[in-house]
Amino acid sequence: TQVSFYYYRSLVQKETKKQLENLQKEVQKEAIKTLEEK
């Protein structure tokens, strides 16, 4: 049970990390676009 929960927790953390990285890239692109326009 302990090993299984560590496995599932790591899967969730990987997915969360990917989502945060994608969100960071989107925010960075929007910031660059806004700076270029202004």
ModelCIF file with pLDDT and N, C-alpha, C, O atoms, coordinates in Angstrom:
data_MODEL
#
_entry.id   MODEL 
#
_entity.id                         1 
_entity.type                       polymer 
_entity.pdbx_number_of_molecules   1 
#
_entity_poly.entity_id                      1 
_entity_poly.type                           'polypeptide(L)' 
_entity_poly.nstd_linkage                   no 
_entity_poly.nstd_monomer                   no 
_entity_poly.pdbx_seq_one_letter_code       TQVSFYYYRSLVQKETKKQLENLQKEVQKEAIKTLEEK 
_entity_poly.pdbx_seq_one_letter_code_can   TQVSFYYYRSLVQKETKKQLENLQKEVQKEAIKTLEEK 
_entity_poly.pdbx_strand_id                 A 
#
loop_
_entity_poly_seq.entity_id 
_entity_poly_seq.num 
_entity_poly_seq.mon_id 
_entity_poly_seq.hetero 
1 1  THR n 
1 2  GLN n 
1 3  VAL n 
1 4  SER n 
1 5  PHE n 
1 6  TYR n 
1 7  TYR n 
1 8  TYR n 
1 9  ARG n 
1 10 SER n 
1 11 LEU n 
1 12 VAL n 
1 13 GLN n 
1 14 LYS n 
1 15 GLU n 
1 16 THR n 
1 17 LYS n 
1 18 LYS n 
1 19 GLN n 
1 20 LEU n 
1 21 GLU n 
1 22 ASN n 
1 23 LEU n 
1 24 GLN n 
1 25 LYS n 
1 26 GLU n 
1 27 VAL n 
1 28 GLN n 
1 29 LYS n 
1 30 GLU n 
1 31 ALA n 
1 32 ILE n 
1 33 LYS n 
1 34 THR n 
1 35 LEU n 
1 36 GLU n 
1 37 GLU n 
1 38 LYS n 
#
_struct_asym.id          A 
_struct_asym.entity_id   1 
#
loop_
_ma_qa_metric.id 
_ma_qa_metric.mode 
_ma_qa_metric.name 
_ma_qa_metric.software_group_id 
_ma_qa_metric.type 
1 global pLDDT . pLDDT 
2 local  pLDDT . pLDDT 
#
_ma_qa_metric_global.metric_id      1 
_ma_qa_metric_global.metric_value   85.84 
_ma_qa_metric_global.model_id       1 
_ma_qa_metric_global.ordinal_id     1 
#
loop_
_ma_qa_metric_local.label_asym_id 
_ma_qa_metric_local.label_comp_id 
_ma_qa_metric_local.label_seq_id 
_ma_qa_metric_local.metric_id 
_ma_qa_metric_local.metric_value 
_ma_qa_metric_local.model_id 
_ma_qa_metric_local.ordinal_id 
A THR 1  2 89.00 1 1  
A GLN 2  2 90.00 1 2  
A VAL 3  2 90.00 1 3  
A SER 4  2 90.00 1 4  
A PHE 5  2 89.00 1 5  
A TYR 6  2 89.00 1 6  
A TYR 7  2 89.00 1 7  
A TYR 8  2 88.00 1 8  
A ARG 9  2 88.00 1 9  
A SER 10 2 87.00 1 10 
A LEU 11 2 84.00 1 11 
A VAL 12 2 83.00 1 12 
A GLN 13 2 86.00 1 13 
A LYS 14 2 85.00 1 14 
A GLU 15 2 83.00 1 15 
A THR 16 2 86.00 1 16 
A LYS 17 2 84.00 1 17 
A LYS 18 2 85.00 1 18 
A GLN 19 2 85.00 1 19 
A LEU 20 2 85.00 1 20 
A GLU 21 2 87.00 1 21 
A ASN 22 2 88.00 1 22 
A LEU 23 2 87.00 1 23 
A GLN 24 2 88.00 1 24 
A LYS 25 2 88.00 1 25 
A GLU 26 2 88.00 1 26 
A VAL 27 2 89.00 1 27 
A GLN 28 2 84.00 1 28 
A LYS 29 2 86.00 1 29 
A GLU 30 2 86.00 1 30 
A ALA 31 2 84.00 1 31 
A ILE 32 2 82.00 1 32 
A LYS 33 2 84.00 1 33 
A THR 34 2 85.00 1 34 
A LEU 35 2 81.00 1 35 
A GLU 36 2 80.00 1 36 
A GLU 37 2 81.00 1 37 
A LYS 38 2 79.00 1 38 
#
loop_
_atom_site.group_PDB 
_atom_site.id 
_atom_site.type_symbol 
_atom_site.label_atom_id 
_atom_site.label_alt_id 
_atom_site.label_comp_id 
_atom_site.label_asym_id 
_atom_site.label_entity_id 
_atom_site.label_seq_id 
_atom_site.pdbx_PDB_ins_code 
_atom_site.Cartn_x 
_atom_site.Cartn_y 
_atom_site.Cartn_z 
_atom_site.occupancy 
_atom_site.B_iso_or_equiv 
_atom_site.pdbx_formal_charge 
_atom_site.auth_seq_id 
_atom_site.auth_comp_id 
_atom_site.auth_asym_id 
_atom_site.auth_atom_id 
_atom_site.pdbx_PDB_model_num 
ATOM 1   N N  . THR A 1 1  ? 0.839 -1.204 0.000   1.00 89.00 ? 1  THR A N  1 
ATOM 2   C CA . THR A 1 1  ? 0.000 0.000  0.000   1.00 89.00 ? 1  THR A CA 1 
ATOM 3   C C  . THR A 1 1  ? 0.872 1.251  0.000   1.00 89.00 ? 1  THR A C  1 
ATOM 4   O O  . THR A 1 1  ? 0.606 2.199  -0.739  1.00 89.00 ? 1  THR A O  1 
ATOM 5   N N  . GLN A 1 2  ? 1.895 1.252  0.815   1.00 90.00 ? 2  GLN A N  1 
ATOM 6   C CA . GLN A 1 2  ? 2.794 2.407  0.905   1.00 90.00 ? 2  GLN A CA 1 
ATOM 7   C C  . GLN A 1 2  ? 3.484 2.661  -0.438  1.00 90.00 ? 2  GLN A C  1 
ATOM 8   O O  . GLN A 1 2  ? 3.520 3.796  -0.912  1.00 90.00 ? 2  GLN A O  1 
ATOM 9   N N  . VAL A 1 3  ? 4.024 1.620  -1.043  1.00 90.00 ? 3  VAL A N  1 
ATOM 10  C CA . VAL A 1 3  ? 4.713 1.765  -2.326  1.00 90.00 ? 3  VAL A CA 1 
ATOM 11  C C  . VAL A 1 3  ? 3.734 2.233  -3.403  1.00 90.00 ? 3  VAL A C  1 
ATOM 12  O O  . VAL A 1 3  ? 4.081 3.077  -4.230  1.00 90.00 ? 3  VAL A O  1 
ATOM 13  N N  . SER A 1 4  ? 2.509 1.690  -3.399  1.00 90.00 ? 4  SER A N  1 
ATOM 14  C CA . SER A 1 4  ? 1.511 2.084  -4.394  1.00 90.00 ? 4  SER A CA 1 
ATOM 15  C C  . SER A 1 4  ? 1.158 3.559  -4.261  1.00 90.00 ? 4  SER A C  1 
ATOM 16  O O  . SER A 1 4  ? 1.063 4.270  -5.262  1.00 90.00 ? 4  SER A O  1 
ATOM 17  N N  . PHE A 1 5  ? 0.962 4.022  -3.026  1.00 89.00 ? 5  PHE A N  1 
ATOM 18  C CA . PHE A 1 5  ? 0.615 5.423  -2.845  1.00 89.00 ? 5  PHE A CA 1 
ATOM 19  C C  . PHE A 1 5  ? 1.765 6.352  -3.228  1.00 89.00 ? 5  PHE A C  1 
ATOM 20  O O  . PHE A 1 5  ? 1.527 7.437  -3.759  1.00 89.00 ? 5  PHE A O  1 
ATOM 21  N N  . TYR A 1 6  ? 3.006 5.942  -2.968  1.00 89.00 ? 6  TYR A N  1 
ATOM 22  C CA . TYR A 1 6  ? 4.148 6.729  -3.439  1.00 89.00 ? 6  TYR A CA 1 
ATOM 23  C C  . TYR A 1 6  ? 4.153 6.804  -4.967  1.00 89.00 ? 6  TYR A C  1 
ATOM 24  O O  . TYR A 1 6  ? 4.436 7.853  -5.546  1.00 89.00 ? 6  TYR A O  1 
ATOM 25  N N  . TYR A 1 7  ? 3.835 5.680  -5.607  1.00 89.00 ? 7  TYR A N  1 
ATOM 26  C CA . TYR A 1 7  ? 3.786 5.628  -7.073  1.00 89.00 ? 7  TYR A CA 1 
ATOM 27  C C  . TYR A 1 7  ? 2.721 6.582  -7.617  1.00 89.00 ? 7  TYR A C  1 
ATOM 28  O O  . TYR A 1 7  ? 2.991 7.371  -8.522  1.00 89.00 ? 7  TYR A O  1 
ATOM 29  N N  . TYR A 1 8  ? 1.514 6.504  -7.060  1.00 88.00 ? 8  TYR A N  1 
ATOM 30  C CA . TYR A 1 8  ? 0.425 7.362  -7.546  1.00 88.00 ? 8  TYR A CA 1 
ATOM 31  C C  . TYR A 1 8  ? 0.689 8.833  -7.221  1.00 88.00 ? 8  TYR A C  1 
ATOM 32  O O  . TYR A 1 8  ? 0.341 9.717  -8.003  1.00 88.00 ? 8  TYR A O  1 
ATOM 33  N N  . ARG A 1 9  ? 1.304 9.090  -6.068  1.00 88.00 ? 9  ARG A N  1 
ATOM 34  C CA . ARG A 1 9  ? 1.624 10.476 -5.723  1.00 88.00 ? 9  ARG A CA 1 
ATOM 35  C C  . ARG A 1 9  ? 2.642 11.052 -6.702  1.00 88.00 ? 9  ARG A C  1 
ATOM 36  O O  . ARG A 1 9  ? 2.528 12.208 -7.109  1.00 88.00 ? 9  ARG A O  1 
ATOM 37  N N  . SER A 1 10 ? 3.635 10.250 -7.079  1.00 87.00 ? 10 SER A N  1 
ATOM 38  C CA . SER A 1 10 ? 4.636 10.741 -8.026  1.00 87.00 ? 10 SER A CA 1 
ATOM 39  C C  . SER A 1 10 ? 4.010 10.995 -9.390  1.00 87.00 ? 10 SER A C  1 
ATOM 40  O O  . SER A 1 10 ? 4.393 11.939 -10.081 1.00 87.00 ? 10 SER A O  1 
ATOM 41  N N  . LEU A 1 11 ? 3.045 10.158 -9.785  1.00 84.00 ? 11 LEU A N  1 
ATOM 42  C CA . LEU A 1 11 ? 2.351 10.403 -11.055 1.00 84.00 ? 11 LEU A CA 1 
ATOM 43  C C  . LEU A 1 11 ? 1.603 11.733 -11.024 1.00 84.00 ? 11 LEU A C  1 
ATOM 44  O O  . LEU A 1 11 ? 1.661 12.513 -11.974 1.00 84.00 ? 11 LEU A O  1 
ATOM 45  N N  . VAL A 1 12 ? 0.904 11.980 -9.922  1.00 83.00 ? 12 VAL A N  1 
ATOM 46  C CA . VAL A 1 12 ? 0.145 13.223 -9.797  1.00 83.00 ? 12 VAL A CA 1 
ATOM 47  C C  . VAL A 1 12 ? 1.090 14.415 -9.779  1.00 83.00 ? 12 VAL A C  1 
ATOM 48  O O  . VAL A 1 12 ? 0.804 15.443 -10.393 1.00 83.00 ? 12 VAL A O  1 
ATOM 49  N N  . GLN A 1 13 ? 2.218 14.285 -9.080  1.00 86.00 ? 13 GLN A N  1 
ATOM 50  C CA . GLN A 1 13 ? 3.170 15.391 -9.015  1.00 86.00 ? 13 GLN A CA 1 
ATOM 51  C C  . GLN A 1 13 ? 3.774 15.672 -10.381 1.00 86.00 ? 13 GLN A C  1 
ATOM 52  O O  . GLN A 1 13 ? 4.002 16.831 -10.728 1.00 86.00 ? 13 GLN A O  1 
ATOM 53  N N  . LYS A 1 14 ? 4.039 14.618 -11.170 1.00 85.00 ? 14 LYS A N  1 
ATOM 54  C CA . LYS A 1 14 ? 4.580 14.818 -12.517 1.00 85.00 ? 14 LYS A CA 1 
ATOM 55  C C  . LYS A 1 14 ? 3.581 15.567 -13.375 1.00 85.00 ? 14 LYS A C  1 
ATOM 56  O O  . LYS A 1 14 ? 3.951 16.497 -14.090 1.00 85.00 ? 14 LYS A O  1 
ATOM 57  N N  . GLU A 1 15 ? 2.312 15.170 -13.313 1.00 83.00 ? 15 GLU A N  1 
ATOM 58  C CA . GLU A 1 15 ? 1.274 15.836 -14.102 1.00 83.00 ? 15 GLU A CA 1 
ATOM 59  C C  . GLU A 1 15 ? 1.115 17.289 -13.662 1.00 83.00 ? 15 GLU A C  1 
ATOM 60  O O  . GLU A 1 15 ? 0.964 18.182 -14.496 1.00 83.00 ? 15 GLU A O  1 
ATOM 61  N N  . THR A 1 16 ? 1.147 17.521 -12.356 1.00 86.00 ? 16 THR A N  1 
ATOM 62  C CA . THR A 1 16 ? 1.020 18.879 -11.832 1.00 86.00 ? 16 THR A CA 1 
ATOM 63  C C  . THR A 1 16 ? 2.207 19.717 -12.283 1.00 86.00 ? 16 THR A C  1 
ATOM 64  O O  . THR A 1 16 ? 2.037 20.878 -12.653 1.00 86.00 ? 16 THR A O  1 
ATOM 65  N N  . LYS A 1 17 ? 3.391 19.151 -12.259 1.00 84.00 ? 17 LYS A N  1 
ATOM 66  C CA . LYS A 1 17 ? 4.592 19.873 -12.689 1.00 84.00 ? 17 LYS A CA 1 
ATOM 67  C C  . LYS A 1 17 ? 4.500 20.232 -14.166 1.00 84.00 ? 17 LYS A C  1 
ATOM 68  O O  . LYS A 1 17 ? 4.852 21.344 -14.560 1.00 84.00 ? 17 LYS A O  1 
ATOM 69  N N  . LYS A 1 18 ? 4.024 19.286 -14.990 1.00 85.00 ? 18 LYS A N  1 
ATOM 70  C CA . LYS A 1 18 ? 3.859 19.572 -16.418 1.00 85.00 ? 18 LYS A CA 1 
ATOM 71  C C  . LYS A 1 18 ? 2.849 20.689 -16.630 1.00 85.00 ? 18 LYS A C  1 
ATOM 72  O O  . LYS A 1 18 ? 3.069 21.574 -17.456 1.00 85.00 ? 18 LYS A O  1 
ATOM 73  N N  . GLN A 1 19 ? 1.746 20.656 -15.895 1.00 85.00 ? 19 GLN A N  1 
ATOM 74  C CA . GLN A 1 19 ? 0.724 21.700 -16.027 1.00 85.00 ? 19 GLN A CA 1 
ATOM 75  C C  . GLN A 1 19 ? 1.283 23.058 -15.618 1.00 85.00 ? 19 GLN A C  1 
ATOM 76  O O  . GLN A 1 19 ? 1.018 24.063 -16.279 1.00 85.00 ? 19 GLN A O  1 
ATOM 77  N N  . LEU A 1 20 ? 2.055 23.094 -14.533 1.00 85.00 ? 20 LEU A N  1 
ATOM 78  C CA . LEU A 1 20 ? 2.644 24.360 -14.087 1.00 85.00 ? 20 LEU A CA 1 
ATOM 79  C C  . LEU A 1 20 ? 3.649 24.896 -15.109 1.00 85.00 ? 20 LEU A C  1 
ATOM 80  O O  . LEU A 1 20 ? 3.697 26.099 -15.366 1.00 85.00 ? 20 LEU A O  1 
ATOM 81  N N  . GLU A 1 21 ? 4.453 23.993 -15.692 1.00 87.00 ? 21 GLU A N  1 
ATOM 82  C CA . GLU A 1 21 ? 5.414 24.424 -16.711 1.00 87.00 ? 21 GLU A CA 1 
ATOM 83  C C  . GLU A 1 21 ? 4.692 24.986 -17.931 1.00 87.00 ? 21 GLU A C  1 
ATOM 84  O O  . GLU A 1 21 ? 5.100 26.011 -18.478 1.00 87.00 ? 21 GLU A O  1 
ATOM 85  N N  . ASN A 1 22 ? 3.622 24.319 -18.358 1.00 88.00 ? 22 ASN A N  1 
ATOM 86  C CA . ASN A 1 22 ? 2.844 24.816 -19.498 1.00 88.00 ? 22 ASN A CA 1 
ATOM 87  C C  . ASN A 1 22 ? 2.216 26.165 -19.187 1.00 88.00 ? 22 ASN A C  1 
ATOM 88  O O  . ASN A 1 22 ? 2.219 27.062 -20.030 1.00 88.00 ? 22 ASN A O  1 
ATOM 89  N N  . LEU A 1 23 ? 1.680 26.314 -17.984 1.00 87.00 ? 23 LEU A N  1 
ATOM 90  C CA . LEU A 1 23 ? 1.084 27.578 -17.582 1.00 87.00 ? 23 LEU A CA 1 
ATOM 91  C C  . LEU A 1 23 ? 2.138 28.677 -17.540 1.00 87.00 ? 23 LEU A C  1 
ATOM 92  O O  . LEU A 1 23 ? 1.877 29.804 -17.961 1.00 87.00 ? 23 LEU A O  1 
ATOM 93  N N  . GLN A 1 24 ? 3.326 28.356 -17.036 1.00 88.00 ? 24 GLN A N  1 
ATOM 94  C CA . GLN A 1 24 ? 4.408 29.333 -16.976 1.00 88.00 ? 24 GLN A CA 1 
ATOM 95  C C  . GLN A 1 24 ? 4.806 29.783 -18.379 1.00 88.00 ? 24 GLN A C  1 
ATOM 96  O O  . GLN A 1 24 ? 5.034 30.972 -18.603 1.00 88.00 ? 24 GLN A O  1 
ATOM 97  N N  . LYS A 1 25 ? 4.892 28.848 -19.323 1.00 88.00 ? 25 LYS A N  1 
ATOM 98  C CA . LYS A 1 25 ? 5.234 29.189 -20.701 1.00 88.00 ? 25 LYS A CA 1 
ATOM 99  C C  . LYS A 1 25 ? 4.170 30.085 -21.325 1.00 88.00 ? 25 LYS A C  1 
ATOM 100 O O  . LYS A 1 25 ? 4.493 31.040 -22.031 1.00 88.00 ? 25 LYS A O  1 
ATOM 101 N N  . GLU A 1 26 ? 2.896 29.775 -21.064 1.00 88.00 ? 26 GLU A N  1 
ATOM 102 C CA . GLU A 1 26 ? 1.811 30.596 -21.611 1.00 88.00 ? 26 GLU A CA 1 
ATOM 103 C C  . GLU A 1 26 ? 1.866 32.011 -21.047 1.00 88.00 ? 26 GLU A C  1 
ATOM 104 O O  . GLU A 1 26 ? 1.707 32.987 -21.781 1.00 88.00 ? 26 GLU A O  1 
ATOM 105 N N  . VAL A 1 27 ? 2.091 32.117 -19.742 1.00 89.00 ? 27 VAL A N  1 
ATOM 106 C CA . VAL A 1 27 ? 2.165 33.437 -19.109 1.00 89.00 ? 27 VAL A CA 1 
ATOM 107 C C  . VAL A 1 27 ? 3.359 34.209 -19.659 1.00 89.00 ? 27 VAL A C  1 
ATOM 108 O O  . VAL A 1 27 ? 3.263 35.412 -19.899 1.00 89.00 ? 27 VAL A O  1 
ATOM 109 N N  . GLN A 1 28 ? 4.479 33.527 -19.858 1.00 84.00 ? 28 GLN A N  1 
ATOM 110 C CA . GLN A 1 28 ? 5.671 34.175 -20.393 1.00 84.00 ? 28 GLN A CA 1 
ATOM 111 C C  . GLN A 1 28 ? 5.403 34.684 -21.809 1.00 84.00 ? 28 GLN A C  1 
ATOM 112 O O  . GLN A 1 28 ? 5.792 35.803 -22.146 1.00 84.00 ? 28 GLN A O  1 
ATOM 113 N N  . LYS A 1 29 ? 4.747 33.880 -22.636 1.00 86.00 ? 29 LYS A N  1 
ATOM 114 C CA . LYS A 1 29 ? 4.421 34.304 -24.001 1.00 86.00 ? 29 LYS A CA 1 
ATOM 115 C C  . LYS A 1 29 ? 3.491 35.518 -23.993 1.00 86.00 ? 29 LYS A C  1 
ATOM 116 O O  . LYS A 1 29 ? 3.671 36.456 -24.769 1.00 86.00 ? 29 LYS A O  1 
ATOM 117 N N  . GLU A 1 30 ? 2.500 35.488 -23.110 1.00 86.00 ? 30 GLU A N  1 
ATOM 118 C CA . GLU A 1 30 ? 1.575 36.622 -23.014 1.00 86.00 ? 30 GLU A CA 1 
ATOM 119 C C  . GLU A 1 30 ? 2.301 37.887 -22.544 1.00 86.00 ? 30 GLU A C  1 
ATOM 120 O O  . GLU A 1 30 ? 2.036 38.982 -23.040 1.00 86.00 ? 30 GLU A O  1 
ATOM 121 N N  . ALA A 1 31 ? 3.213 37.728 -21.588 1.00 84.00 ? 31 ALA A N  1 
ATOM 122 C CA . ALA A 1 31 ? 3.958 38.893 -21.090 1.00 84.00 ? 31 ALA A CA 1 
ATOM 123 C C  . ALA A 1 31 ? 4.833 39.478 -22.191 1.00 84.00 ? 31 ALA A C  1 
ATOM 124 O O  . ALA A 1 31 ? 4.894 40.696 -22.361 1.00 84.00 ? 31 ALA A O  1 
ATOM 125 N N  . ILE A 1 32 ? 5.514 38.602 -22.945 1.00 82.00 ? 32 ILE A N  1 
ATOM 126 C CA . ILE A 1 32 ? 6.354 39.075 -24.053 1.00 82.00 ? 32 ILE A CA 1 
ATOM 127 C C  . ILE A 1 32 ? 5.503 39.770 -25.101 1.00 82.00 ? 32 ILE A C  1 
ATOM 128 O O  . ILE A 1 32 ? 5.885 40.819 -25.619 1.00 82.00 ? 32 ILE A O  1 
ATOM 129 N N  . LYS A 1 33 ? 4.363 39.197 -25.412 1.00 84.00 ? 33 LYS A N  1 
ATOM 130 C CA . LYS A 1 33 ? 3.461 39.792 -26.408 1.00 84.00 ? 33 LYS A CA 1 
ATOM 131 C C  . LYS A 1 33 ? 2.988 41.172 -25.957 1.00 84.00 ? 33 LYS A C  1 
ATOM 132 O O  . LYS A 1 33 ? 2.946 42.115 -26.748 1.00 84.00 ? 33 LYS A O  1 
ATOM 133 N N  . THR A 1 34 ? 2.634 41.278 -24.683 1.00 85.00 ? 34 THR A N  1 
ATOM 134 C CA . THR A 1 34 ? 2.175 42.561 -24.144 1.00 85.00 ? 34 THR A CA 1 
ATOM 135 C C  . THR A 1 34 ? 3.291 43.591 -24.181 1.00 85.00 ? 34 THR A C  1 
ATOM 136 O O  . THR A 1 34 ? 3.059 44.741 -24.554 1.00 85.00 ? 34 THR A O  1 
ATOM 137 N N  . LEU A 1 35 ? 4.507 43.191 -23.797 1.00 81.00 ? 35 LEU A N  1 
ATOM 138 C CA . LEU A 1 35 ? 5.645 44.110 -23.828 1.00 81.00 ? 35 LEU A CA 1 
ATOM 139 C C  . LEU A 1 35 ? 5.955 44.567 -25.253 1.00 81.00 ? 35 LEU A C  1 
ATOM 140 O O  . LEU A 1 35 ? 6.255 45.737 -25.489 1.00 81.00 ? 35 LEU A O  1 
ATOM 141 N N  . GLU A 1 36 ? 5.879 43.620 -26.209 1.00 80.00 ? 36 GLU A N  1 
ATOM 142 C CA . GLU A 1 36 ? 6.144 43.974 -27.605 1.00 80.00 ? 36 GLU A CA 1 
ATOM 143 C C  . GLU A 1 36 ? 5.118 44.967 -28.114 1.00 80.00 ? 36 GLU A C  1 
ATOM 144 O O  . GLU A 1 36 ? 5.461 45.907 -28.831 1.00 80.00 ? 36 GLU A O  1 
ATOM 145 N N  . GLU A 1 37 ? 3.862 44.763 -27.748 1.00 81.00 ? 37 GLU A N  1 
ATOM 146 C CA . GLU A 1 37 ? 2.813 45.673 -28.207 1.00 81.00 ? 37 GLU A CA 1 
ATOM 147 C C  . GLU A 1 37 ? 2.973 47.064 -27.606 1.00 81.00 ? 37 GLU A C  1 
ATOM 148 O O  . GLU A 1 37 ? 2.780 48.062 -28.300 1.00 81.00 ? 37 GLU A O  1 
ATOM 149 N N  . LYS A 1 38 ? 3.319 47.141 -26.338 1.00 79.00 ? 38 LYS A N  1 
ATOM 150 C CA . LYS A 1 38 ? 3.424 48.444 -25.679 1.00 79.00 ? 38 LYS A CA 1 
ATOM 151 C C  . LYS A 1 38 ? 4.695 49.184 -26.058 1.00 79.00 ? 38 LYS A C  1 
ATOM 152 O O  . LYS A 1 38 ? 4.927 50.296 -25.583 1.00 79.00 ? 38 LYS A O  1 
#
